[in-house]
N, C-alpha and C. Protein backbone atom coordinates (compact mmCIF):
# COMPACT_ATOMS: atom_id res chain seq x y z
N MET A 1 -28.06 86.31 37.58
CA MET A 1 -27.26 86.98 38.57
C MET A 1 -28.21 86.03 40.11
N ALA A 2 -27.39 85.53 40.75
CA ALA A 2 -27.71 85.12 41.95
C ALA A 2 -27.91 86.11 42.99
N ALA A 3 -28.36 85.66 44.06
CA ALA A 3 -28.87 86.26 45.38
C ALA A 3 -27.11 86.61 45.69
N MET A 4 -27.18 87.72 46.83
CA MET A 4 -25.72 87.84 47.29
C MET A 4 -26.00 87.99 49.00
N PHE A 5 -25.07 87.38 49.44
CA PHE A 5 -25.04 87.42 51.20
C PHE A 5 -24.18 88.68 51.42
N GLU A 6 -24.84 89.51 52.49
CA GLU A 6 -24.13 90.60 53.13
C GLU A 6 -23.96 90.49 54.39
N LEU A 7 -22.67 90.63 54.80
CA LEU A 7 -22.21 90.74 56.20
C LEU A 7 -21.91 91.99 56.64
N PHE A 8 -22.50 92.15 57.67
CA PHE A 8 -22.34 93.54 58.44
C PHE A 8 -22.45 93.66 59.90
N VAL A 9 -22.36 94.78 60.45
CA VAL A 9 -22.55 94.87 62.24
C VAL A 9 -23.72 95.61 62.39
N ASP A 10 -24.72 94.88 63.29
CA ASP A 10 -25.60 95.96 63.70
C ASP A 10 -25.18 97.10 64.79
N GLY A 11 -26.32 97.69 65.17
CA GLY A 11 -26.26 98.86 65.94
C GLY A 11 -25.79 98.19 67.35
N GLU A 12 -26.04 97.00 67.98
CA GLU A 12 -25.64 96.57 69.03
C GLU A 12 -24.33 96.13 68.97
N SER A 13 -23.45 96.16 67.81
CA SER A 13 -22.09 95.35 67.51
C SER A 13 -22.06 93.95 67.57
N ASN A 14 -23.24 93.48 67.06
CA ASN A 14 -22.94 92.24 66.87
C ASN A 14 -23.01 91.63 65.07
N PHE A 15 -22.57 90.70 64.67
CA PHE A 15 -22.41 90.41 63.60
C PHE A 15 -23.73 89.75 63.24
N ARG A 16 -24.08 90.20 61.92
CA ARG A 16 -25.40 89.53 61.30
C ARG A 16 -25.10 89.72 59.63
N PHE A 17 -26.15 88.84 58.75
CA PHE A 17 -25.67 88.56 57.16
C PHE A 17 -27.29 88.60 56.93
N ARG A 18 -27.51 89.44 55.61
CA ARG A 18 -28.91 89.61 55.08
C ARG A 18 -28.51 88.84 53.77
N LEU A 19 -29.48 88.10 53.28
CA LEU A 19 -29.43 87.53 51.71
C LEU A 19 -30.32 88.70 51.04
N LYS A 20 -29.91 89.02 50.01
CA LYS A 20 -30.40 90.11 48.85
C LYS A 20 -30.53 89.33 48.02
N ALA A 21 -31.70 89.65 47.30
CA ALA A 21 -31.89 89.63 45.72
C ALA A 21 -31.49 90.00 44.71
N PRO A 22 -31.54 89.61 43.74
CA PRO A 22 -30.25 90.33 42.52
C PRO A 22 -30.89 91.65 42.32
N ASP A 23 -32.16 92.10 42.66
CA ASP A 23 -32.81 93.40 42.60
C ASP A 23 -32.49 94.35 43.75
N GLY A 24 -31.86 93.87 44.40
CA GLY A 24 -31.91 94.65 45.99
C GLY A 24 -32.50 94.07 47.26
N THR A 25 -33.95 93.37 46.72
CA THR A 25 -34.62 92.84 47.96
C THR A 25 -34.15 92.31 48.81
N VAL A 26 -34.33 92.78 50.39
CA VAL A 26 -33.60 92.12 51.23
C VAL A 26 -34.90 90.89 51.74
N MET A 27 -34.17 89.61 51.23
CA MET A 27 -35.36 88.09 51.55
C MET A 27 -34.99 87.67 52.85
N ALA A 28 -33.82 87.98 53.39
CA ALA A 28 -33.76 87.39 54.99
C ALA A 28 -32.64 87.75 55.58
N VAL A 29 -32.91 88.26 57.12
CA VAL A 29 -31.64 89.02 58.12
C VAL A 29 -31.49 87.70 59.30
N SER A 30 -30.55 87.39 59.39
CA SER A 30 -29.98 86.68 60.16
C SER A 30 -29.93 86.67 62.04
N ALA A 31 -29.65 85.93 62.72
CA ALA A 31 -29.83 86.17 63.97
C ALA A 31 -28.28 86.64 64.37
N ALA A 32 -28.57 87.27 65.54
CA ALA A 32 -27.06 88.06 65.74
C ALA A 32 -25.52 86.89 66.15
N PHE A 33 -24.77 87.02 65.81
CA PHE A 33 -23.86 86.58 65.95
C PHE A 33 -22.50 87.04 67.02
N SER A 34 -21.87 86.73 67.62
CA SER A 34 -20.84 87.08 68.81
C SER A 34 -19.52 87.22 68.06
N ASP A 35 -19.10 86.88 66.80
CA ASP A 35 -17.90 87.11 65.92
C ASP A 35 -17.92 87.07 64.47
N LYS A 36 -17.26 87.24 63.80
CA LYS A 36 -17.64 87.19 62.58
C LYS A 36 -17.22 85.71 61.99
N ALA A 37 -16.30 84.97 62.50
CA ALA A 37 -16.36 83.71 62.00
C ALA A 37 -17.55 82.85 62.32
N ALA A 38 -18.23 82.94 63.14
CA ALA A 38 -19.54 82.42 63.52
C ALA A 38 -20.68 83.02 62.53
N ALA A 39 -20.90 84.30 62.48
CA ALA A 39 -21.86 84.69 61.15
C ALA A 39 -21.10 84.07 59.64
N VAL A 40 -19.82 83.73 59.28
CA VAL A 40 -19.50 83.25 57.97
C VAL A 40 -19.64 81.66 58.21
N ALA A 41 -20.13 81.10 59.13
CA ALA A 41 -20.33 79.32 59.40
C ALA A 41 -21.90 79.59 59.34
N GLY A 42 -22.40 80.83 59.68
CA GLY A 42 -24.03 80.72 59.33
C GLY A 42 -24.56 80.82 57.83
N ILE A 43 -23.46 81.76 56.94
CA ILE A 43 -23.84 81.61 55.59
C ILE A 43 -23.43 80.58 55.17
N SER A 44 -22.33 79.67 55.49
CA SER A 44 -22.47 78.47 54.77
C SER A 44 -23.46 77.11 55.32
N ALA A 45 -24.40 77.42 56.27
CA ALA A 45 -25.19 76.59 56.83
C ALA A 45 -26.29 76.95 55.75
N VAL A 46 -26.53 77.88 55.77
CA VAL A 46 -27.68 78.62 54.93
C VAL A 46 -27.41 78.10 53.62
N ARG A 47 -26.26 78.22 53.03
CA ARG A 47 -26.15 77.59 51.36
C ARG A 47 -25.88 76.12 51.16
N GLU A 48 -25.73 75.74 52.40
CA GLU A 48 -25.64 74.16 52.30
C GLU A 48 -27.41 74.05 52.56
N CYS A 49 -27.93 74.29 53.32
CA CYS A 49 -29.35 73.73 53.62
C CYS A 49 -30.56 74.23 52.80
N ALA A 50 -30.46 75.38 52.25
CA ALA A 50 -31.45 76.02 51.82
C ALA A 50 -31.97 75.41 50.30
N GLY A 51 -30.90 75.30 49.37
CA GLY A 51 -31.77 74.59 48.44
C GLY A 51 -32.18 73.23 48.25
N MET A 52 -32.13 72.58 49.54
CA MET A 52 -32.85 71.30 49.38
C MET A 52 -33.96 71.54 50.88
N GLY A 53 -34.29 72.66 51.15
CA GLY A 53 -34.82 72.62 51.77
C GLY A 53 -36.61 72.54 51.60
N LEU A 54 -37.52 71.67 52.54
CA LEU A 54 -38.72 71.88 52.35
C LEU A 54 -39.61 72.72 52.84
N VAL A 55 -40.85 72.96 52.37
CA VAL A 55 -41.80 73.84 52.75
C VAL A 55 -42.72 73.26 53.45
N THR A 56 -42.99 73.84 54.91
CA THR A 56 -43.82 73.51 55.90
C THR A 56 -44.78 74.63 55.92
N ASP A 57 -46.21 74.30 56.00
CA ASP A 57 -47.25 75.52 55.72
C ASP A 57 -47.51 75.33 57.36
N LEU A 58 -47.90 76.13 58.08
CA LEU A 58 -48.15 76.51 59.46
C LEU A 58 -48.85 77.19 59.43
N CYS A 59 -49.94 77.93 58.11
CA CYS A 59 -50.80 78.69 58.18
C CYS A 59 -51.96 78.32 58.53
N PRO A 60 -53.33 79.11 59.22
CA PRO A 60 -54.35 78.39 59.41
C PRO A 60 -55.08 77.92 58.11
N GLU A 61 -56.06 77.14 58.38
CA GLU A 61 -56.86 76.66 57.29
C GLU A 61 -57.65 77.72 56.63
N GLY A 62 -57.45 78.24 55.31
CA GLY A 62 -58.46 79.01 54.83
C GLY A 62 -58.00 80.55 54.96
N SER A 63 -56.60 80.45 55.02
CA SER A 63 -56.15 82.06 55.28
C SER A 63 -55.51 82.39 53.64
N ALA A 64 -55.78 81.87 52.89
CA ALA A 64 -55.01 82.19 51.66
C ALA A 64 -55.85 83.58 51.28
N LYS A 65 -55.29 84.58 50.91
CA LYS A 65 -55.57 86.04 50.07
C LYS A 65 -56.40 85.68 48.86
N SER A 66 -57.30 86.54 48.87
CA SER A 66 -58.16 86.51 47.79
C SER A 66 -57.42 86.81 46.91
N GLY A 67 -58.15 86.03 45.68
CA GLY A 67 -57.55 85.83 44.42
C GLY A 67 -56.46 84.53 43.98
N VAL A 68 -56.07 83.98 45.55
CA VAL A 68 -55.41 82.90 45.16
C VAL A 68 -56.27 81.71 45.48
N ARG A 69 -56.64 80.64 44.61
CA ARG A 69 -57.22 79.54 44.51
C ARG A 69 -56.69 78.75 45.15
N GLU A 70 -57.12 78.05 46.03
CA GLU A 70 -56.90 76.54 47.16
C GLU A 70 -57.61 75.47 45.99
N PRO A 71 -56.70 74.39 46.07
CA PRO A 71 -57.62 73.42 45.02
C PRO A 71 -59.07 73.10 46.01
N ALA A 72 -59.66 72.67 45.10
CA ALA A 72 -61.13 71.75 45.81
C ALA A 72 -61.17 70.84 46.49
N HIS A 73 -60.04 69.78 45.80
CA HIS A 73 -59.81 68.59 46.60
C HIS A 73 -58.37 68.33 46.68
N PRO A 74 -57.71 67.60 47.54
CA PRO A 74 -56.34 67.47 47.94
C PRO A 74 -55.79 66.67 46.77
N SER A 75 -56.49 65.76 45.90
CA SER A 75 -56.28 64.90 44.62
C SER A 75 -55.82 66.25 43.67
N ASP A 76 -56.46 67.31 43.49
CA ASP A 76 -56.23 68.14 42.36
C ASP A 76 -55.30 69.40 42.46
N ALA A 77 -54.52 69.28 43.75
CA ALA A 77 -53.00 69.90 44.18
C ALA A 77 -51.93 69.11 43.14
N LEU A 78 -50.89 70.11 42.88
CA LEU A 78 -49.61 68.98 42.46
C LEU A 78 -49.18 68.20 43.43
N PRO A 79 -48.72 67.09 43.03
CA PRO A 79 -47.68 66.39 43.91
C PRO A 79 -46.72 66.86 44.43
N ALA A 80 -45.85 66.72 45.14
CA ALA A 80 -44.62 67.06 46.01
C ALA A 80 -43.67 66.33 44.69
N ARG A 81 -42.62 67.32 44.67
CA ARG A 81 -41.28 66.61 44.03
C ARG A 81 -40.32 66.96 44.76
N HIS A 82 -39.80 65.79 45.31
CA HIS A 82 -38.52 65.53 46.24
C HIS A 82 -37.64 65.37 45.46
N ASP A 83 -37.56 64.95 44.24
CA ASP A 83 -36.43 64.08 43.48
C ASP A 83 -35.88 65.15 42.51
N TRP A 84 -36.61 66.32 42.69
CA TRP A 84 -35.79 67.25 41.64
C TRP A 84 -34.75 67.62 41.37
N HIS A 85 -33.70 66.85 42.23
CA HIS A 85 -32.10 67.30 42.66
C HIS A 85 -31.41 66.03 42.11
N LYS A 86 -31.96 64.85 41.40
CA LYS A 86 -31.54 63.89 41.27
C LYS A 86 -31.46 63.92 39.34
N ARG A 87 -30.48 63.03 39.20
CA ARG A 87 -30.51 63.18 37.41
C ARG A 87 -31.43 61.94 37.11
N ALA A 88 -31.49 62.19 35.77
CA ALA A 88 -32.80 60.82 35.33
C ALA A 88 -32.06 59.45 35.54
N ASP A 89 -30.81 59.23 35.38
CA ASP A 89 -30.27 57.92 35.88
C ASP A 89 -29.91 57.58 37.07
N ASN A 90 -30.83 58.57 37.78
CA ASN A 90 -31.05 58.39 39.68
C ASN A 90 -29.76 58.29 40.44
N PHE A 91 -28.74 58.94 39.91
CA PHE A 91 -27.22 59.33 40.33
C PHE A 91 -27.36 60.58 41.23
N HIS A 92 -27.51 60.27 42.59
CA HIS A 92 -27.92 61.78 43.25
C HIS A 92 -26.69 62.72 43.06
N THR A 93 -26.94 63.92 42.92
CA THR A 93 -25.71 64.77 42.81
C THR A 93 -26.06 65.99 43.73
N ARG A 94 -24.84 66.40 44.22
CA ARG A 94 -25.07 67.50 45.03
C ARG A 94 -23.60 68.14 45.00
N ALA A 95 -23.95 69.58 45.18
CA ALA A 95 -23.07 70.77 44.59
C ALA A 95 -21.82 70.24 45.88
N LYS A 96 -20.54 70.58 45.72
CA LYS A 96 -19.52 70.75 46.49
C LYS A 96 -18.18 71.84 46.37
N THR A 97 -17.86 72.48 47.37
CA THR A 97 -16.88 73.20 46.74
C THR A 97 -15.45 72.70 46.77
N ILE A 98 -14.90 73.18 45.85
CA ILE A 98 -13.63 72.54 45.84
C ILE A 98 -12.35 73.21 46.25
N ARG A 99 -12.00 72.98 47.22
CA ARG A 99 -10.95 73.50 47.92
C ARG A 99 -9.48 73.33 47.39
N ARG A 100 -8.61 74.01 47.06
CA ARG A 100 -7.15 73.76 46.93
C ARG A 100 -6.37 73.76 48.05
N ALA A 101 -5.56 72.67 48.38
CA ALA A 101 -4.91 72.63 49.25
C ALA A 101 -3.59 73.90 49.37
N ALA A 102 -3.36 74.36 50.89
CA ALA A 102 -2.69 75.62 51.35
C ALA A 102 -1.20 75.46 50.82
N THR A 103 -0.83 73.98 50.57
CA THR A 103 0.66 74.03 50.14
C THR A 103 0.61 73.63 48.60
N THR A 104 -0.23 73.92 47.93
CA THR A 104 -0.35 73.66 46.61
C THR A 104 0.18 74.97 45.96
N PRO A 105 1.20 74.77 44.65
CA PRO A 105 1.94 76.16 44.20
C PRO A 105 1.16 76.33 43.31
N ARG A 106 0.74 77.81 43.66
CA ARG A 106 0.14 78.38 42.26
C ARG A 106 0.84 79.37 41.09
N TRP A 107 0.14 79.41 40.13
CA TRP A 107 0.53 79.92 39.19
C TRP A 107 0.92 81.49 39.18
N THR A 108 1.72 82.30 39.21
CA THR A 108 1.66 83.59 39.65
C THR A 108 1.83 84.19 38.20
N GLY A 109 2.13 83.75 37.03
CA GLY A 109 1.74 84.63 35.82
C GLY A 109 3.40 84.80 35.49
N ALA A 110 4.50 84.62 36.60
CA ALA A 110 5.76 85.08 35.90
C ALA A 110 6.30 83.66 35.62
N ALA A 111 6.96 84.11 34.34
CA ALA A 111 8.01 82.70 33.66
C ALA A 111 9.35 82.81 34.32
């Protein structure tokens, strides 16, 4: 099961969304939005950008918790993989939402 976005109104009557893990853990809470459409656009932006987002480590040097081993030398660390989203034949793939035109007739189940 994938994570889920929850859209809600906070105590100050602003729209917000939160990203929850499959086990119910809140992973992120958005900034406040003035209207629902803006909050939905924010969810769309997170969906589009988060999967390909790079990690920037802004922690001070030596701030690792005990039990976490830092590499003794930079060459000991695993190299970053920025091509994980490419197929073996170097064809760049990206998931896109398929939208149906509003004028397209839909099957209603009635014959």
